[in-house]
């Protein structure tokens, strides 16, 4: 496992401390979770872009809830 040194200014340190206290997590865990969330956001945005491209080409269709429930 790699070790990375991160420099925080005083405001960032305060924020991390408050989050650590609030979520009852150590600072390292909070940073890791934040990275994972940011990465998930990137993946989600890529999927949205793909969907919007299909939608523009008219290759997307929608079904009503009634139609889905009847099948």
N, C-alpha and C. Protein backbone atom coordinates (compact mmCIF):
# COMPACT_ATOMS: atom_id res chain seq x y z
N UNK A 1 0.85 -1.17 0.00
CA UNK A 1 0.00 0.00 0.00
C UNK A 1 0.90 1.23 0.00
N UNK A 2 0.58 2.19 -0.83
CA UNK A 2 1.35 3.42 -0.91
C UNK A 2 0.94 4.43 0.15
N UNK A 3 1.87 5.28 0.47
CA UNK A 3 1.62 6.35 1.42
C UNK A 3 1.79 7.67 0.69
N UNK A 4 0.81 8.55 0.84
CA UNK A 4 0.85 9.85 0.20
C UNK A 4 0.75 10.92 1.27
N UNK A 5 1.60 11.90 1.15
CA UNK A 5 1.55 13.03 2.08
C UNK A 5 0.68 14.12 1.46
N UNK A 6 -0.27 14.61 2.24
CA UNK A 6 -1.18 15.65 1.75
C UNK A 6 -1.02 16.87 2.65
N UNK A 7 -0.83 18.03 2.03
CA UNK A 7 -0.72 19.27 2.80
C UNK A 7 -2.07 19.96 2.84
N UNK A 8 -2.48 20.36 4.02
CA UNK A 8 -3.72 21.09 4.21
C UNK A 8 -3.42 22.45 4.81
N UNK A 9 -4.18 23.46 4.37
CA UNK A 9 -4.07 24.74 5.06
C UNK A 9 -4.95 24.65 6.31
N UNK A 10 -4.95 25.69 7.11
CA UNK A 10 -5.69 25.65 8.39
C UNK A 10 -7.18 25.42 8.19
N UNK A 11 -7.77 26.08 7.18
CA UNK A 11 -9.21 25.90 6.93
C UNK A 11 -9.52 24.46 6.52
N UNK A 12 -8.69 23.90 5.66
CA UNK A 12 -8.90 22.51 5.22
C UNK A 12 -8.75 21.55 6.39
N UNK A 13 -7.79 21.81 7.27
CA UNK A 13 -7.61 20.98 8.46
C UNK A 13 -8.86 21.02 9.34
N UNK A 14 -9.44 22.21 9.52
CA UNK A 14 -10.64 22.35 10.33
C UNK A 14 -11.80 21.57 9.72
N UNK A 15 -11.94 21.68 8.41
CA UNK A 15 -13.02 20.97 7.71
C UNK A 15 -12.85 19.46 7.90
N UNK A 16 -11.64 18.97 7.69
CA UNK A 16 -11.39 17.53 7.84
C UNK A 16 -11.65 17.06 9.27
N UNK A 17 -11.27 17.86 10.23
CA UNK A 17 -11.52 17.52 11.64
C UNK A 17 -13.01 17.46 11.92
N UNK A 18 -13.76 18.46 11.44
CA UNK A 18 -15.22 18.47 11.66
C UNK A 18 -15.88 17.26 11.00
N UNK A 19 -15.45 16.95 9.79
CA UNK A 19 -16.02 15.78 9.10
C UNK A 19 -15.66 14.49 9.84
N UNK A 20 -14.44 14.41 10.29
CA UNK A 20 -14.00 13.23 11.03
C UNK A 20 -14.83 13.04 12.30
N UNK A 21 -15.06 14.12 13.00
CA UNK A 21 -15.89 14.06 14.21
C UNK A 21 -17.34 13.71 13.88
N UNK A 22 -17.86 14.33 12.84
CA UNK A 22 -19.26 14.13 12.47
C UNK A 22 -19.54 12.69 12.04
N UNK A 23 -18.67 12.15 11.20
CA UNK A 23 -18.90 10.81 10.66
C UNK A 23 -18.24 9.70 11.49
N UNK A 24 -17.52 10.09 12.54
CA UNK A 24 -16.83 9.12 13.39
C UNK A 24 -15.92 8.22 12.57
N UNK A 25 -15.18 8.86 11.68
CA UNK A 25 -14.23 8.15 10.81
C UNK A 25 -12.87 8.81 10.95
N UNK A 26 -11.81 8.02 10.74
CA UNK A 26 -10.49 8.65 10.76
C UNK A 26 -10.29 9.43 9.46
N UNK A 27 -9.36 10.33 9.49
CA UNK A 27 -9.15 11.25 8.36
C UNK A 27 -8.77 10.51 7.09
N UNK A 28 -7.97 9.49 7.21
CA UNK A 28 -7.55 8.71 6.05
C UNK A 28 -8.76 8.06 5.36
N UNK A 29 -9.65 7.49 6.16
CA UNK A 29 -10.85 6.85 5.61
C UNK A 29 -11.74 7.87 4.90
N UNK A 30 -11.88 9.05 5.47
CA UNK A 30 -12.68 10.10 4.83
C UNK A 30 -12.10 10.50 3.49
N UNK A 31 -10.80 10.64 3.43
CA UNK A 31 -10.16 11.02 2.16
C UNK A 31 -10.36 9.93 1.12
N UNK A 32 -10.19 8.68 1.52
CA UNK A 32 -10.41 7.56 0.59
C UNK A 32 -11.84 7.53 0.08
N UNK A 33 -12.81 7.70 0.99
CA UNK A 33 -14.22 7.70 0.59
C UNK A 33 -14.51 8.85 -0.37
N UNK A 34 -13.90 10.00 -0.12
CA UNK A 34 -14.09 11.15 -1.00
C UNK A 34 -13.57 10.87 -2.39
N UNK A 35 -12.40 10.22 -2.48
CA UNK A 35 -11.84 9.87 -3.78
C UNK A 35 -12.75 8.91 -4.54
N UNK A 36 -13.27 7.94 -3.82
CA UNK A 36 -14.17 6.96 -4.45
C UNK A 36 -15.43 7.66 -4.96
N UNK A 37 -15.99 8.56 -4.16
CA UNK A 37 -17.20 9.29 -4.57
C UNK A 37 -16.94 10.14 -5.81
N UNK A 38 -15.79 10.83 -5.83
CA UNK A 38 -15.45 11.64 -7.00
C UNK A 38 -15.31 10.77 -8.24
N UNK A 39 -14.67 9.61 -8.09
CA UNK A 39 -14.51 8.70 -9.22
C UNK A 39 -15.86 8.18 -9.70
N UNK A 40 -16.75 7.83 -8.76
CA UNK A 40 -18.10 7.40 -9.14
C UNK A 40 -18.83 8.50 -9.89
N UNK A 41 -18.65 9.75 -9.49
CA UNK A 41 -19.28 10.87 -10.19
C UNK A 41 -18.79 10.96 -11.63
N UNK A 42 -17.49 10.75 -11.83
CA UNK A 42 -16.93 10.77 -13.19
C UNK A 42 -17.56 9.66 -14.02
N UNK A 43 -17.65 8.46 -13.47
CA UNK A 43 -18.26 7.34 -14.19
C UNK A 43 -19.73 7.62 -14.51
N UNK A 44 -20.46 8.17 -13.56
CA UNK A 44 -21.86 8.52 -13.78
C UNK A 44 -22.01 9.54 -14.90
N UNK A 45 -21.17 10.57 -14.88
CA UNK A 45 -21.24 11.60 -15.93
C UNK A 45 -20.94 11.02 -17.30
N UNK A 46 -20.01 10.07 -17.36
CA UNK A 46 -19.72 9.42 -18.65
C UNK A 46 -20.94 8.64 -19.15
N UNK A 47 -21.62 7.95 -18.26
CA UNK A 47 -22.82 7.20 -18.65
C UNK A 47 -23.92 8.15 -19.11
N UNK A 48 -24.06 9.27 -18.45
CA UNK A 48 -25.06 10.27 -18.85
C UNK A 48 -24.75 10.80 -20.24
N UNK A 49 -23.49 11.09 -20.51
CA UNK A 49 -23.09 11.57 -21.84
C UNK A 49 -23.41 10.54 -22.92
N UNK A 50 -23.13 9.26 -22.63
CA UNK A 50 -23.45 8.19 -23.58
C UNK A 50 -24.96 8.13 -23.84
N UNK A 51 -25.74 8.21 -22.76
CA UNK A 51 -27.19 8.17 -22.91
C UNK A 51 -27.69 9.35 -23.73
N UNK A 52 -27.18 10.55 -23.43
CA UNK A 52 -27.62 11.74 -24.16
C UNK A 52 -27.26 11.66 -25.63
N UNK A 53 -26.12 11.06 -25.94
CA UNK A 53 -25.72 10.88 -27.35
C UNK A 53 -26.70 9.93 -28.05
N UNK A 54 -27.08 8.84 -27.38
CA UNK A 54 -28.07 7.90 -27.95
C UNK A 54 -29.41 8.59 -28.13
N UNK A 55 -29.77 9.40 -27.14
CA UNK A 55 -31.06 10.09 -27.18
C UNK A 55 -31.11 11.05 -28.37
N UNK A 56 -30.03 11.75 -28.64
CA UNK A 56 -29.98 12.67 -29.77
C UNK A 56 -30.13 11.94 -31.10
N UNK A 57 -29.63 10.70 -31.15
CA UNK A 57 -29.73 9.90 -32.37
C UNK A 57 -31.09 9.22 -32.49
N UNK A 58 -31.93 9.39 -31.48
CA UNK A 58 -33.26 8.76 -31.50
C UNK A 58 -33.22 7.28 -31.20
N UNK A 59 -32.19 6.82 -30.54
CA UNK A 59 -32.05 5.39 -30.26
C UNK A 59 -32.48 5.03 -28.84
N UNK A 60 -33.29 5.89 -28.23
CA UNK A 60 -33.75 5.66 -26.86
C UNK A 60 -35.27 5.58 -26.87
N UNK A 61 -35.79 4.63 -26.14
CA UNK A 61 -37.25 4.55 -26.01
C UNK A 61 -37.59 4.37 -24.53
N UNK A 62 -38.78 4.77 -24.19
CA UNK A 62 -39.23 4.69 -22.81
C UNK A 62 -40.51 3.87 -22.74
N UNK A 63 -40.68 3.18 -21.62
CA UNK A 63 -41.90 2.42 -21.37
C UNK A 63 -42.57 2.96 -20.13
N UNK A 64 -43.90 2.96 -20.16
CA UNK A 64 -44.62 3.42 -18.98
C UNK A 64 -44.56 2.33 -17.89
N UNK A 65 -44.80 2.74 -16.66
CA UNK A 65 -44.81 1.79 -15.55
C UNK A 65 -45.91 0.75 -15.75
N UNK A 66 -47.05 1.18 -16.29
CA UNK A 66 -48.15 0.25 -16.54
C UNK A 66 -47.74 -0.85 -17.51
N UNK A 67 -47.05 -0.45 -18.57
CA UNK A 67 -46.62 -1.42 -19.58
C UNK A 67 -45.62 -2.42 -18.97
N UNK A 68 -44.74 -1.94 -18.14
CA UNK A 68 -43.75 -2.81 -17.52
C UNK A 68 -44.44 -3.78 -16.57
N UNK A 69 -45.39 -3.30 -15.78
CA UNK A 69 -46.07 -4.14 -14.81
C UNK A 69 -46.97 -5.19 -15.46
N UNK A 70 -47.47 -4.92 -16.66
CA UNK A 70 -48.35 -5.87 -17.34
C UNK A 70 -47.58 -7.03 -17.95
N UNK A 71 -46.30 -6.88 -18.15
CA UNK A 71 -45.49 -7.96 -18.77
C UNK A 71 -45.04 -8.96 -17.77
